[in-house]
């Protein structure tokens, strides 16, 4: 069964057809949460480089969710699947910023030259996957990039940083990733509570919780643990 084809029933408002109304609204909720996180960080003048990367993660994640909600769900019947592509790329960029934040935050725990090399590798990885996605127009590559970025890059780096420094920001990031992992069984189960609140909608709520936890983690990046030197603003 292709669970991605399951959706809320259409509704009509003043004769205007709206597809997947709850899925669209919960996408917009993700946008609201991410913009709240972005502006919370933006008004701070003392951000270190890892926090700046996370600031742009929240911005691009919010953009991705908005495009997904509007073009990927609410009015997709007026468009075609190609309108989803800008949202796909915004989502991939948001994961890249998470990766860069995790790698950068490990300075002082890992050798400086290694961190700098991994930052370059991170860009190469993103460009390669982005090109494959653009050529194939296949959402599978977006999913692969997200899973790889979060599970194989972000999580291990924060585990290393927390193990060596007890940095509270890394601990909270590990918890946030644990929250996001719940989206996998919810979506693929699928866990459907109601026609108007299905697996996509519940996964979006979990993502909101995960993003808010990431904001709390990002704010804690300034509380550097023993062995982790302060990063340049």
N, C-alpha and C. Protein backbone atom coordinates (compact mmCIF):
# COMPACT_ATOMS: atom_id res chain seq x y z
N UNK A 1 0.84 -1.20 0.00
CA UNK A 1 0.00 0.00 0.00
C UNK A 1 0.87 1.25 0.00
N UNK A 2 0.57 2.17 -0.90
CA UNK A 2 1.29 3.44 -0.94
C UNK A 2 0.61 4.40 0.03
N UNK A 3 1.19 4.53 1.24
CA UNK A 3 0.54 5.34 2.27
C UNK A 3 0.54 6.83 1.92
N UNK A 4 1.43 7.23 1.00
CA UNK A 4 1.47 8.64 0.62
C UNK A 4 0.22 9.06 -0.15
N UNK A 5 -0.52 8.08 -0.67
CA UNK A 5 -1.73 8.38 -1.44
C UNK A 5 -2.95 8.57 -0.53
N UNK A 6 -2.81 8.23 0.74
CA UNK A 6 -3.92 8.40 1.68
C UNK A 6 -4.03 9.87 2.05
N UNK A 7 -5.23 10.43 1.99
CA UNK A 7 -5.40 11.84 2.29
C UNK A 7 -6.73 12.16 2.93
N UNK A 8 -6.85 13.35 3.49
CA UNK A 8 -8.13 13.82 4.02
C UNK A 8 -9.12 13.97 2.87
N UNK A 9 -10.41 13.78 3.15
CA UNK A 9 -11.42 14.05 2.12
C UNK A 9 -11.39 15.53 1.71
N UNK A 10 -11.72 15.81 0.46
CA UNK A 10 -11.79 17.20 0.00
C UNK A 10 -12.90 17.95 0.72
N UNK A 11 -12.72 19.25 0.92
CA UNK A 11 -13.80 20.10 1.40
C UNK A 11 -13.94 21.27 0.42
N UNK A 12 -15.09 21.92 0.48
CA UNK A 12 -15.35 23.05 -0.41
C UNK A 12 -15.73 24.27 0.43
N UNK A 13 -15.03 25.36 0.20
CA UNK A 13 -15.30 26.62 0.89
C UNK A 13 -15.69 27.66 -0.16
N UNK A 14 -16.98 28.09 -0.12
CA UNK A 14 -17.51 29.02 -1.12
C UNK A 14 -17.24 28.51 -2.54
N UNK A 15 -17.38 27.20 -2.70
CA UNK A 15 -17.21 26.59 -4.01
C UNK A 15 -15.77 26.29 -4.39
N UNK A 16 -14.83 26.67 -3.53
CA UNK A 16 -13.41 26.43 -3.83
C UNK A 16 -12.98 25.12 -3.19
N UNK A 17 -12.42 24.25 -4.00
CA UNK A 17 -12.00 22.93 -3.53
C UNK A 17 -10.68 23.01 -2.77
N UNK A 18 -10.64 22.40 -1.59
CA UNK A 18 -9.42 22.31 -0.79
C UNK A 18 -9.10 20.84 -0.56
N UNK A 19 -7.93 20.43 -0.99
CA UNK A 19 -7.48 19.06 -0.77
C UNK A 19 -6.74 18.95 0.57
N UNK A 20 -6.87 17.79 1.20
CA UNK A 20 -6.09 17.45 2.39
C UNK A 20 -5.99 18.64 3.36
N UNK A 21 -7.14 19.09 3.81
CA UNK A 21 -7.19 20.33 4.60
C UNK A 21 -6.38 20.24 5.89
N UNK A 22 -6.52 19.14 6.63
CA UNK A 22 -5.79 19.02 7.90
C UNK A 22 -4.29 18.89 7.67
N UNK A 23 -3.92 18.14 6.64
CA UNK A 23 -2.51 17.99 6.31
C UNK A 23 -1.90 19.33 5.93
N UNK A 24 -2.65 20.12 5.17
CA UNK A 24 -2.17 21.45 4.80
C UNK A 24 -2.01 22.33 6.03
N UNK A 25 -3.02 22.32 6.91
CA UNK A 25 -2.98 23.17 8.09
C UNK A 25 -1.87 22.77 9.05
N UNK A 26 -1.62 21.47 9.18
CA UNK A 26 -0.53 21.04 10.06
C UNK A 26 0.83 21.34 9.44
N UNK A 27 0.91 21.36 8.11
CA UNK A 27 2.12 21.84 7.45
C UNK A 27 2.35 23.31 7.80
N UNK A 28 1.28 24.10 7.74
CA UNK A 28 1.38 25.53 8.07
C UNK A 28 1.73 25.72 9.55
N UNK A 29 1.30 24.77 10.40
CA UNK A 29 1.67 24.82 11.81
C UNK A 29 3.18 24.63 11.97
N UNK A 30 3.75 23.71 11.19
CA UNK A 30 5.21 23.53 11.20
C UNK A 30 5.88 24.84 10.78
N UNK A 31 5.34 25.49 9.75
CA UNK A 31 5.88 26.77 9.30
C UNK A 31 5.86 27.79 10.43
N UNK A 32 4.74 27.87 11.15
CA UNK A 32 4.61 28.83 12.26
C UNK A 32 5.63 28.54 13.35
N UNK A 33 5.80 27.26 13.70
CA UNK A 33 6.75 26.87 14.74
C UNK A 33 8.18 27.23 14.30
N UNK A 34 8.51 26.92 13.04
CA UNK A 34 9.87 27.18 12.55
C UNK A 34 10.16 28.68 12.44
N UNK A 35 9.15 29.47 12.04
CA UNK A 35 9.36 30.91 11.98
C UNK A 35 9.51 31.50 13.38
N UNK A 36 8.77 30.95 14.33
CA UNK A 36 8.94 31.38 15.73
C UNK A 36 10.37 31.11 16.18
N UNK A 37 10.88 29.91 15.85
CA UNK A 37 12.25 29.55 16.22
C UNK A 37 13.25 30.46 15.52
N UNK A 38 13.03 30.72 14.22
CA UNK A 38 13.93 31.57 13.45
C UNK A 38 14.02 32.97 14.05
N UNK A 39 12.88 33.58 14.34
CA UNK A 39 12.88 34.95 14.84
C UNK A 39 13.35 35.02 16.30
N UNK A 40 13.15 33.93 17.05
CA UNK A 40 13.70 33.87 18.41
C UNK A 40 15.23 33.96 18.36
N UNK A 41 15.83 33.24 17.41
CA UNK A 41 17.28 33.26 17.27
C UNK A 41 17.75 34.55 16.59
N UNK A 42 16.96 35.04 15.63
CA UNK A 42 17.37 36.22 14.88
C UNK A 42 17.53 37.46 15.77
N UNK A 43 16.72 37.56 16.81
CA UNK A 43 16.79 38.76 17.65
C UNK A 43 17.95 38.71 18.64
N UNK A 44 18.63 37.56 18.69
CA UNK A 44 19.80 37.45 19.56
C UNK A 44 21.04 37.89 18.82
N UNK A 45 21.89 38.65 19.48
CA UNK A 45 23.09 39.20 18.85
C UNK A 45 24.35 38.41 19.19
N UNK A 46 24.22 37.39 20.03
CA UNK A 46 25.41 36.67 20.52
C UNK A 46 25.48 35.24 19.98
N UNK A 47 24.87 34.98 18.83
CA UNK A 47 24.85 33.62 18.29
C UNK A 47 26.24 33.16 17.88
N UNK A 48 26.56 31.91 18.21
CA UNK A 48 27.79 31.34 17.68
C UNK A 48 27.48 30.70 16.32
N UNK A 49 28.48 30.18 15.65
CA UNK A 49 28.28 29.72 14.27
C UNK A 49 27.33 28.53 14.18
N UNK A 50 27.37 27.61 15.15
CA UNK A 50 26.45 26.47 15.13
C UNK A 50 25.01 26.95 15.27
N UNK A 51 24.79 27.95 16.12
CA UNK A 51 23.44 28.50 16.28
C UNK A 51 22.96 29.20 15.01
N UNK A 52 23.88 29.85 14.32
CA UNK A 52 23.51 30.51 13.06
C UNK A 52 23.08 29.49 12.01
N UNK A 53 23.78 28.36 11.95
CA UNK A 53 23.36 27.31 11.04
C UNK A 53 21.96 26.81 11.39
N UNK A 54 21.69 26.62 12.67
CA UNK A 54 20.37 26.16 13.09
C UNK A 54 19.30 27.22 12.81
N UNK A 55 19.66 28.49 12.92
CA UNK A 55 18.71 29.56 12.60
C UNK A 55 18.21 29.39 11.17
N UNK A 56 19.13 29.11 10.27
CA UNK A 56 18.73 28.95 8.87
C UNK A 56 18.09 27.60 8.60
N UNK A 57 18.36 26.62 9.46
CA UNK A 57 17.59 25.36 9.37
C UNK A 57 16.12 25.66 9.60
N UNK A 58 15.81 26.42 10.65
CA UNK A 58 14.41 26.72 10.96
C UNK A 58 13.76 27.51 9.83
N UNK A 59 14.47 28.47 9.25
CA UNK A 59 13.90 29.27 8.17
C UNK A 59 13.56 28.40 6.96
N UNK A 60 14.52 27.60 6.51
CA UNK A 60 14.30 26.79 5.31
C UNK A 60 13.31 25.66 5.57
N UNK A 61 13.27 25.12 6.78
CA UNK A 61 12.28 24.11 7.12
C UNK A 61 10.88 24.73 7.09
N UNK A 62 10.75 25.95 7.58
CA UNK A 62 9.47 26.63 7.54
C UNK A 62 9.01 26.88 6.11
N UNK A 63 9.93 27.28 5.24
CA UNK A 63 9.61 27.50 3.82
C UNK A 63 9.18 26.19 3.17
N UNK A 64 9.91 25.12 3.47
CA UNK A 64 9.60 23.80 2.90
C UNK A 64 8.20 23.36 3.30
N UNK A 65 7.85 23.54 4.57
CA UNK A 65 6.54 23.13 5.06
C UNK A 65 5.43 23.96 4.42
N UNK A 66 5.67 25.25 4.25
CA UNK A 66 4.65 26.11 3.64
C UNK A 66 4.41 25.71 2.18
N UNK A 67 5.48 25.51 1.43
CA UNK A 67 5.34 25.09 0.03
C UNK A 67 4.65 23.73 -0.05
N UNK A 68 5.05 22.83 0.85
CA UNK A 68 4.44 21.51 0.86
C UNK A 68 2.95 21.57 1.17
N UNK A 69 2.59 22.38 2.16
CA UNK A 69 1.18 22.49 2.52
C UNK A 69 0.33 23.09 1.42
N UNK A 70 0.85 24.15 0.77
CA UNK A 70 0.07 24.85 -0.25
C UNK A 70 0.08 24.12 -1.59
N UNK A 71 1.28 23.90 -2.13
CA UNK A 71 1.39 23.32 -3.47
C UNK A 71 1.35 21.79 -3.47
N UNK A 72 1.81 21.18 -2.37
CA UNK A 72 1.86 19.73 -2.31
C UNK A 72 0.60 19.07 -1.83
N UNK A 73 -0.28 19.85 -1.19
CA UNK A 73 -1.51 19.27 -0.65
C UNK A 73 -2.75 20.10 -0.99
N UNK A 74 -2.80 21.34 -0.52
CA UNK A 74 -4.04 22.11 -0.56
C UNK A 74 -4.58 22.34 -1.98
N UNK A 75 -3.72 22.73 -2.92
CA UNK A 75 -4.20 23.04 -4.27
C UNK A 75 -3.44 22.25 -5.34
N UNK A 76 -2.96 21.08 -4.98
CA UNK A 76 -2.18 20.29 -5.94
C UNK A 76 -2.99 19.96 -7.19
N UNK A 77 -4.31 19.82 -7.06
CA UNK A 77 -5.14 19.46 -8.20
C UNK A 77 -5.11 20.54 -9.29
N UNK A 78 -4.74 21.77 -8.92
CA UNK A 78 -4.64 22.85 -9.89
C UNK A 78 -3.28 22.87 -10.57
N UNK A 79 -2.33 22.09 -10.03
CA UNK A 79 -0.94 22.16 -10.47
C UNK A 79 -0.49 20.78 -10.92
N UNK A 80 0.80 20.54 -10.90
CA UNK A 80 1.33 19.20 -11.13
C UNK A 80 2.45 18.95 -10.13
N UNK A 81 2.99 17.74 -10.14
CA UNK A 81 3.98 17.35 -9.13
C UNK A 81 5.25 18.20 -9.15
N UNK A 82 5.52 18.86 -10.29
CA UNK A 82 6.74 19.67 -10.36
C UNK A 82 6.70 20.85 -9.40
N UNK A 83 5.48 21.27 -9.01
CA UNK A 83 5.37 22.37 -8.06
C UNK A 83 5.86 21.98 -6.67
N UNK A 84 6.01 20.68 -6.43
CA UNK A 84 6.51 20.22 -5.13
C UNK A 84 8.03 20.38 -5.01
N UNK A 85 8.70 20.48 -6.16
CA UNK A 85 10.16 20.45 -6.17
C UNK A 85 10.80 21.56 -5.32
N UNK A 86 10.33 22.83 -5.40
CA UNK A 86 10.95 23.86 -4.54
C UNK A 86 10.88 23.50 -3.05
N UNK A 87 9.78 22.89 -2.63
CA UNK A 87 9.66 22.45 -1.24
C UNK A 87 10.63 21.33 -0.92
N UNK A 88 10.84 20.43 -1.89
CA UNK A 88 11.80 19.34 -1.69
C UNK A 88 13.20 19.91 -1.44
N UNK A 89 13.59 20.87 -2.27
CA UNK A 89 14.94 21.42 -2.14
C UNK A 89 15.09 22.25 -0.87
N UNK A 90 14.04 22.98 -0.49
CA UNK A 90 14.10 23.72 0.78
C UNK A 90 14.26 22.76 1.95
N UNK A 91 13.58 21.62 1.88
CA UNK A 91 13.70 20.60 2.93
C UNK A 91 15.12 20.05 2.99
N UNK A 92 15.71 19.79 1.82
CA UNK A 92 17.08 19.27 1.78
C UNK A 92 18.07 20.29 2.33
N UNK A 93 17.85 21.57 2.01
CA UNK A 93 18.73 22.62 2.54
C UNK A 93 18.61 22.70 4.06
N UNK A 94 17.39 22.53 4.56
CA UNK A 94 17.19 22.60 6.02
C UNK A 94 17.94 21.49 6.74
N UNK A 95 17.96 20.30 6.14
CA UNK A 95 18.71 19.18 6.73
C UNK A 95 20.21 19.47 6.65
N UNK A 96 20.65 20.05 5.53
CA UNK A 96 22.07 20.39 5.39
C UNK A 96 22.51 21.35 6.50
N UNK A 97 21.67 22.35 6.83
CA UNK A 97 22.02 23.28 7.89
C UNK A 97 22.08 22.57 9.25
N UNK A 98 21.21 21.60 9.48
CA UNK A 98 21.28 20.79 10.71
C UNK A 98 22.62 20.06 10.79
N UNK A 99 23.02 19.47 9.66
CA UNK A 99 24.28 18.74 9.60
C UNK A 99 25.46 19.67 9.92
N UNK A 100 25.46 20.83 9.27
CA UNK A 100 26.56 21.77 9.45
C UNK A 100 26.62 22.28 10.89
N UNK A 101 25.46 22.48 11.50
CA UNK A 101 25.42 22.90 12.90
C UNK A 101 26.02 21.83 13.81
N UNK A 102 25.66 20.56 13.55
CA UNK A 102 26.16 19.46 14.37
C UNK A 102 27.67 19.31 14.23
N UNK A 103 28.16 19.39 12.99
CA UNK A 103 29.60 19.27 12.75
C UNK A 103 30.35 20.43 13.39
N UNK A 104 29.85 21.65 13.17
CA UNK A 104 30.51 22.84 13.70
C UNK A 104 30.52 22.84 15.23
N UNK A 105 29.45 22.35 15.82
CA UNK A 105 29.34 22.34 17.28
C UNK A 105 30.34 21.38 17.93
N UNK A 106 30.94 20.50 17.12
CA UNK A 106 31.90 19.54 17.67
C UNK A 106 33.32 20.12 17.76
N UNK A 107 33.49 21.37 17.35
CA UNK A 107 34.82 21.99 17.47
C UNK A 107 35.23 22.02 18.95
N UNK A 108 36.47 21.65 19.19
CA UNK A 108 36.95 21.55 20.56
C UNK A 108 36.86 20.14 21.09
N UNK A 109 35.98 19.34 20.48
CA UNK A 109 35.89 17.91 20.80
C UNK A 109 36.64 17.11 19.75
N UNK A 110 36.42 17.48 18.48
CA UNK A 110 37.16 16.88 17.37
C UNK A 110 38.24 17.87 16.90
N UNK A 111 39.23 17.36 16.21
CA UNK A 111 40.31 18.21 15.73
C UNK A 111 39.78 19.22 14.72
N UNK A 112 40.32 20.43 14.79
CA UNK A 112 39.86 21.53 13.95
C UNK A 112 39.95 21.19 12.46
N UNK A 113 41.06 20.58 12.06
CA UNK A 113 41.25 20.25 10.64
C UNK A 113 40.21 19.23 10.19
N UNK A 114 39.88 18.27 11.04
CA UNK A 114 38.87 17.26 10.71
C UNK A 114 37.50 17.92 10.54
N UNK A 115 37.17 18.82 11.44
CA UNK A 115 35.88 19.52 11.36
C UNK A 115 35.80 20.31 10.06
N UNK A 116 36.88 21.03 9.73
CA UNK A 116 36.89 21.83 8.49
C UNK A 116 36.72 20.93 7.26
N UNK A 117 37.38 19.77 7.27
CA UNK A 117 37.26 18.84 6.15
C UNK A 117 35.84 18.31 6.02
N UNK A 118 35.24 17.97 7.15
CA UNK A 118 33.88 17.43 7.14
C UNK A 118 32.86 18.48 6.69
N UNK A 119 33.14 19.75 6.97
CA UNK A 119 32.26 20.82 6.50
C UNK A 119 32.27 20.89 4.97
N UNK A 120 33.43 20.66 4.36
CA UNK A 120 33.54 20.63 2.90
C UNK A 120 32.85 19.40 2.34
N UNK A 121 33.06 18.24 2.97
CA UNK A 121 32.42 17.00 2.53
C UNK A 121 30.90 17.14 2.59
N UNK A 122 30.42 17.85 3.60
CA UNK A 122 28.97 18.07 3.75
C UNK A 122 28.39 18.81 2.55
N UNK A 123 29.11 19.81 2.05
CA UNK A 123 28.66 20.55 0.87
C UNK A 123 28.65 19.65 -0.36
N UNK A 124 29.71 18.85 -0.53
CA UNK A 124 29.80 17.94 -1.67
C UNK A 124 28.64 16.94 -1.65
N UNK A 125 28.38 16.39 -0.46
CA UNK A 125 27.27 15.43 -0.29
C UNK A 125 25.95 16.06 -0.71
N UNK A 126 25.72 17.29 -0.26
CA UNK A 126 24.45 17.96 -0.58
C UNK A 126 24.32 18.19 -2.08
N UNK A 127 25.38 18.68 -2.71
CA UNK A 127 25.34 18.99 -4.15
C UNK A 127 25.06 17.73 -4.96
N UNK A 128 25.71 16.61 -4.59
CA UNK A 128 25.52 15.35 -5.32
C UNK A 128 24.07 14.89 -5.22
N UNK A 129 23.52 14.85 -4.01
CA UNK A 129 22.14 14.38 -3.83
C UNK A 129 21.15 15.34 -4.48
N UNK A 130 21.43 16.64 -4.41
CA UNK A 130 20.54 17.63 -5.03
C UNK A 130 20.52 17.44 -6.56
N UNK A 131 21.68 17.18 -7.15
CA UNK A 131 21.74 16.96 -8.60
C UNK A 131 20.99 15.68 -8.99
N UNK A 132 21.16 14.64 -8.22
CA UNK A 132 20.44 13.39 -8.50
C UNK A 132 18.94 13.61 -8.42
N UNK A 133 18.51 14.37 -7.39
CA UNK A 133 17.09 14.66 -7.23
C UNK A 133 16.56 15.47 -8.40
N UNK A 134 17.33 16.46 -8.84
CA UNK A 134 16.90 17.30 -9.96
C UNK A 134 16.80 16.50 -11.26
N UNK A 135 17.70 15.55 -11.44
CA UNK A 135 17.71 14.75 -12.67
C UNK A 135 16.59 13.71 -12.67
N UNK A 136 16.39 13.06 -11.53
CA UNK A 136 15.41 11.97 -11.47
C UNK A 136 13.99 12.44 -11.13
N UNK A 137 13.87 13.63 -10.51
CA UNK A 137 12.58 14.13 -10.01
C UNK A 137 11.92 13.03 -9.18
N UNK A 138 12.68 12.49 -8.26
CA UNK A 138 12.21 11.38 -7.43
C UNK A 138 12.34 11.76 -5.96
N UNK A 139 11.20 11.80 -5.25
CA UNK A 139 11.19 12.20 -3.84
C UNK A 139 11.99 11.24 -2.96
N UNK A 140 12.21 10.03 -3.46
CA UNK A 140 12.98 9.06 -2.68
C UNK A 140 14.33 9.62 -2.26
N UNK A 141 14.96 10.42 -3.14
CA UNK A 141 16.28 10.97 -2.83
C UNK A 141 16.20 12.03 -1.73
N UNK A 142 15.09 12.72 -1.66
CA UNK A 142 14.88 13.68 -0.58
C UNK A 142 14.78 12.93 0.75
N UNK A 143 14.07 11.81 0.74
CA UNK A 143 13.94 10.99 1.94
C UNK A 143 15.29 10.41 2.36
N UNK A 144 16.05 9.91 1.38
CA UNK A 144 17.37 9.36 1.67
C UNK A 144 18.27 10.42 2.30
N UNK A 145 18.23 11.63 1.72
CA UNK A 145 19.06 12.72 2.25
C UNK A 145 18.66 13.06 3.68
N UNK A 146 17.35 13.08 3.96
CA UNK A 146 16.88 13.42 5.30
C UNK A 146 17.31 12.36 6.33
N UNK A 147 17.08 11.09 5.99
CA UNK A 147 17.43 10.01 6.91
C UNK A 147 18.94 9.97 7.13
N UNK A 148 19.71 10.06 6.03
CA UNK A 148 21.17 10.06 6.14
C UNK A 148 21.63 11.24 6.99
N UNK A 149 21.13 12.43 6.68
CA UNK A 149 21.58 13.63 7.38
C UNK A 149 21.30 13.59 8.87
N UNK A 150 20.08 13.17 9.23
CA UNK A 150 19.69 13.21 10.64
C UNK A 150 20.27 12.03 11.42
N UNK A 151 20.16 10.82 10.86
CA UNK A 151 20.57 9.61 11.59
C UNK A 151 22.06 9.34 11.49
N UNK A 152 22.66 9.59 10.31
CA UNK A 152 24.07 9.23 10.11
C UNK A 152 25.03 10.39 10.34
N UNK A 153 24.53 11.63 10.39
CA UNK A 153 25.41 12.78 10.59
C UNK A 153 25.07 13.53 11.87
N UNK A 154 23.86 14.09 11.94
CA UNK A 154 23.50 14.93 13.09
C UNK A 154 23.54 14.15 14.41
N UNK A 155 22.89 13.01 14.45
CA UNK A 155 22.84 12.23 15.69
C UNK A 155 24.22 11.81 16.18
N UNK A 156 25.07 11.18 15.34
CA UNK A 156 26.39 10.77 15.83
C UNK A 156 27.25 11.93 16.34
N UNK A 157 27.21 13.06 15.63
CA UNK A 157 28.02 14.20 16.06
C UNK A 157 27.57 14.73 17.42
N UNK A 158 26.27 14.77 17.65
CA UNK A 158 25.80 15.25 18.95
C UNK A 158 26.05 14.22 20.05
N UNK A 159 26.02 12.95 19.70
CA UNK A 159 26.36 11.91 20.69
C UNK A 159 27.83 12.07 21.09
N UNK A 160 28.71 12.26 20.10
CA UNK A 160 30.13 12.45 20.39
C UNK A 160 30.35 13.69 21.25
N UNK A 161 29.71 14.80 20.85
CA UNK A 161 29.89 16.05 21.60
C UNK A 161 29.37 15.92 23.03
N UNK A 162 28.21 15.29 23.18
CA UNK A 162 27.66 15.15 24.54
C UNK A 162 28.50 14.19 25.37
N UNK A 163 28.97 13.09 24.76
CA UNK A 163 29.77 12.11 25.50
C UNK A 163 31.05 12.73 26.02
N UNK A 164 31.67 13.58 25.21
CA UNK A 164 32.96 14.15 25.59
C UNK A 164 32.84 15.43 26.41
N UNK A 165 31.72 16.16 26.30
CA UNK A 165 31.64 17.47 26.96
C UNK A 165 30.43 17.65 27.87
N UNK A 166 29.44 16.72 27.77
CA UNK A 166 28.18 16.86 28.52
C UNK A 166 27.46 18.15 28.16
N UNK A 167 27.64 18.60 26.91
CA UNK A 167 27.00 19.83 26.47
C UNK A 167 25.48 19.66 26.47
N UNK A 168 24.74 20.51 27.18
CA UNK A 168 23.28 20.35 27.28
C UNK A 168 22.56 20.51 25.95
N UNK A 169 23.12 21.34 25.05
CA UNK A 169 22.51 21.50 23.74
C UNK A 169 22.53 20.22 22.94
N UNK A 170 23.64 19.51 22.98
CA UNK A 170 23.73 18.24 22.27
C UNK A 170 22.80 17.20 22.87
N UNK A 171 22.66 17.20 24.19
CA UNK A 171 21.74 16.26 24.84
C UNK A 171 20.31 16.50 24.35
N UNK A 172 19.92 17.76 24.28
CA UNK A 172 18.57 18.09 23.83
C UNK A 172 18.38 17.77 22.34
N UNK A 173 19.43 17.92 21.54
CA UNK A 173 19.34 17.56 20.13
C UNK A 173 19.13 16.06 19.96
N UNK A 174 19.79 15.27 20.79
CA UNK A 174 19.60 13.82 20.75
C UNK A 174 18.15 13.48 21.08
N UNK A 175 17.60 14.16 22.08
CA UNK A 175 16.19 13.95 22.45
C UNK A 175 15.28 14.36 21.30
N UNK A 176 15.57 15.50 20.67
CA UNK A 176 14.75 15.99 19.54
C UNK A 176 14.74 14.98 18.40
N UNK A 177 15.90 14.41 18.10
CA UNK A 177 15.98 13.41 17.03
C UNK A 177 15.18 12.17 17.41
N UNK A 178 15.24 11.81 18.69
CA UNK A 178 14.42 10.69 19.17
C UNK A 178 12.94 10.94 18.95
N UNK A 179 12.52 12.18 19.16
CA UNK A 179 11.12 12.54 18.91
C UNK A 179 10.79 12.39 17.43
N UNK A 180 11.66 12.89 16.57
CA UNK A 180 11.41 12.84 15.12
C UNK A 180 11.36 11.41 14.59
N UNK A 181 12.10 10.51 15.21
CA UNK A 181 12.11 9.12 14.76
C UNK A 181 10.72 8.50 14.84
N UNK A 182 9.89 9.00 15.76
CA UNK A 182 8.53 8.47 15.90
C UNK A 182 7.70 8.70 14.64
N UNK A 183 8.12 9.64 13.79
CA UNK A 183 7.40 9.89 12.54
C UNK A 183 7.44 8.67 11.62
N UNK A 184 8.50 7.88 11.71
CA UNK A 184 8.67 6.74 10.80
C UNK A 184 7.56 5.71 10.98
N UNK A 185 7.34 5.16 12.22
CA UNK A 185 6.23 4.20 12.37
C UNK A 185 4.86 4.84 12.20
N UNK A 186 4.73 6.13 12.58
CA UNK A 186 3.44 6.81 12.41
C UNK A 186 3.07 6.88 10.93
N UNK A 187 4.02 7.26 10.10
CA UNK A 187 3.75 7.43 8.67
C UNK A 187 3.60 6.11 7.96
N UNK A 188 4.47 5.16 8.27
CA UNK A 188 4.49 3.91 7.53
C UNK A 188 3.55 2.86 8.08
N UNK A 189 3.01 3.10 9.31
CA UNK A 189 2.08 2.16 9.93
C UNK A 189 0.92 1.74 9.03
N UNK A 190 0.13 2.69 8.51
CA UNK A 190 0.08 4.08 8.97
C UNK A 190 -0.84 4.20 10.20
N UNK A 191 -0.60 5.23 11.02
CA UNK A 191 -1.45 5.49 12.19
C UNK A 191 -2.50 6.52 11.77
N UNK A 192 -3.72 6.06 11.57
CA UNK A 192 -4.81 6.92 11.11
C UNK A 192 -5.87 7.01 12.20
N UNK A 193 -6.00 8.18 12.81
CA UNK A 193 -6.96 8.38 13.89
C UNK A 193 -8.35 8.66 13.34
N UNK A 194 -8.41 9.40 12.23
CA UNK A 194 -9.69 9.80 11.64
C UNK A 194 -9.42 10.18 10.19
N UNK A 195 -10.49 10.21 9.37
CA UNK A 195 -10.33 10.64 7.99
C UNK A 195 -9.70 12.03 7.90
N UNK A 196 -10.05 12.89 8.88
CA UNK A 196 -9.53 14.25 8.88
C UNK A 196 -8.34 14.42 9.83
N UNK A 197 -7.79 13.31 10.30
CA UNK A 197 -6.54 13.39 11.08
C UNK A 197 -5.80 12.07 10.89
N UNK A 198 -5.04 12.02 9.80
CA UNK A 198 -4.39 10.76 9.44
C UNK A 198 -2.92 10.75 9.85
N UNK A 199 -2.18 9.79 9.28
CA UNK A 199 -0.78 9.59 9.62
C UNK A 199 0.09 10.81 9.29
N UNK A 200 -0.23 11.49 8.18
CA UNK A 200 0.53 12.69 7.81
C UNK A 200 0.34 13.80 8.85
N UNK A 201 -0.90 13.96 9.27
CA UNK A 201 -1.23 15.03 10.22
C UNK A 201 -0.56 14.79 11.58
N UNK A 202 -0.62 13.54 12.04
CA UNK A 202 0.00 13.21 13.32
C UNK A 202 1.52 13.37 13.23
N UNK A 203 2.10 12.95 12.11
CA UNK A 203 3.55 13.11 11.92
C UNK A 203 3.95 14.58 11.95
N UNK A 204 3.11 15.44 11.37
CA UNK A 204 3.40 16.88 11.38
C UNK A 204 3.39 17.44 12.80
N UNK A 205 2.48 16.96 13.64
CA UNK A 205 2.44 17.40 15.04
C UNK A 205 3.73 16.98 15.76
N UNK A 206 4.16 15.75 15.49
CA UNK A 206 5.41 15.25 16.10
C UNK A 206 6.59 16.10 15.63
N UNK A 207 6.60 16.48 14.35
CA UNK A 207 7.67 17.33 13.83
C UNK A 207 7.69 18.67 14.55
N UNK A 208 6.51 19.24 14.83
CA UNK A 208 6.43 20.50 15.58
C UNK A 208 7.09 20.36 16.94
N UNK A 209 6.80 19.26 17.63
CA UNK A 209 7.40 19.01 18.95
C UNK A 209 8.91 18.88 18.81
N UNK A 210 9.35 18.16 17.78
CA UNK A 210 10.78 17.99 17.54
C UNK A 210 11.48 19.30 17.25
N UNK A 211 10.86 20.16 16.44
CA UNK A 211 11.48 21.45 16.10
C UNK A 211 11.55 22.37 17.33
N UNK A 212 10.53 22.35 18.17
CA UNK A 212 10.57 23.16 19.39
C UNK A 212 11.67 22.67 20.34
N UNK A 213 11.85 21.35 20.39
CA UNK A 213 12.93 20.78 21.20
C UNK A 213 14.28 21.19 20.63
N UNK A 214 14.38 21.24 19.30
CA UNK A 214 15.62 21.69 18.66
C UNK A 214 15.91 23.15 18.96
N UNK A 215 14.87 23.97 19.04
CA UNK A 215 15.08 25.37 19.41
C UNK A 215 15.66 25.46 20.81
N UNK A 216 15.08 24.69 21.74
CA UNK A 216 15.61 24.69 23.10
C UNK A 216 17.06 24.21 23.11
N UNK A 217 17.35 23.21 22.30
CA UNK A 217 18.73 22.70 22.19
C UNK A 217 19.66 23.76 21.64
N UNK A 218 19.22 24.45 20.61
CA UNK A 218 20.05 25.47 19.97
C UNK A 218 20.38 26.60 20.95
N UNK A 219 19.41 27.01 21.73
CA UNK A 219 19.65 28.06 22.72
C UNK A 219 20.66 27.60 23.76
N UNK A 220 20.72 26.29 24.01
CA UNK A 220 21.67 25.75 24.99
C UNK A 220 23.06 25.56 24.42
N UNK A 221 23.22 25.73 23.10
CA UNK A 221 24.55 25.61 22.51
C UNK A 221 25.53 26.64 23.10
N UNK A 222 25.02 27.74 23.63
CA UNK A 222 25.90 28.76 24.19
C UNK A 222 26.48 28.33 25.53
N UNK A 223 25.84 27.34 26.17
CA UNK A 223 26.31 26.87 27.47
C UNK A 223 27.32 25.75 27.22
N UNK A 224 28.50 26.15 26.76
CA UNK A 224 29.49 25.16 26.36
C UNK A 224 29.95 24.31 27.55
N UNK A 225 29.97 23.00 27.31
CA UNK A 225 30.42 22.10 28.36
C UNK A 225 31.93 22.04 28.44
N UNK A 226 32.43 21.38 29.45
CA UNK A 226 33.88 21.26 29.64
C UNK A 226 34.50 20.57 28.42
N UNK A 227 35.54 21.14 27.89
CA UNK A 227 36.23 20.57 26.75
C UNK A 227 35.75 21.11 25.42
N UNK A 228 34.70 21.94 25.45
CA UNK A 228 34.23 22.53 24.21
C UNK A 228 34.45 24.03 24.27
N UNK A 229 35.28 24.54 23.39
CA UNK A 229 35.60 25.98 23.44
C UNK A 229 34.47 26.78 22.82
N UNK A 230 34.26 28.02 23.25
CA UNK A 230 33.24 28.88 22.64
C UNK A 230 33.54 29.09 21.17
N UNK A 231 32.47 29.11 20.36
CA UNK A 231 32.64 29.31 18.93
C UNK A 231 32.59 30.78 18.58
N UNK A 232 33.21 31.13 17.45
CA UNK A 232 33.23 32.53 17.04
C UNK A 232 31.83 32.99 16.66
N UNK A 233 31.49 34.21 17.01
CA UNK A 233 30.16 34.75 16.69
C UNK A 233 30.09 35.06 15.21
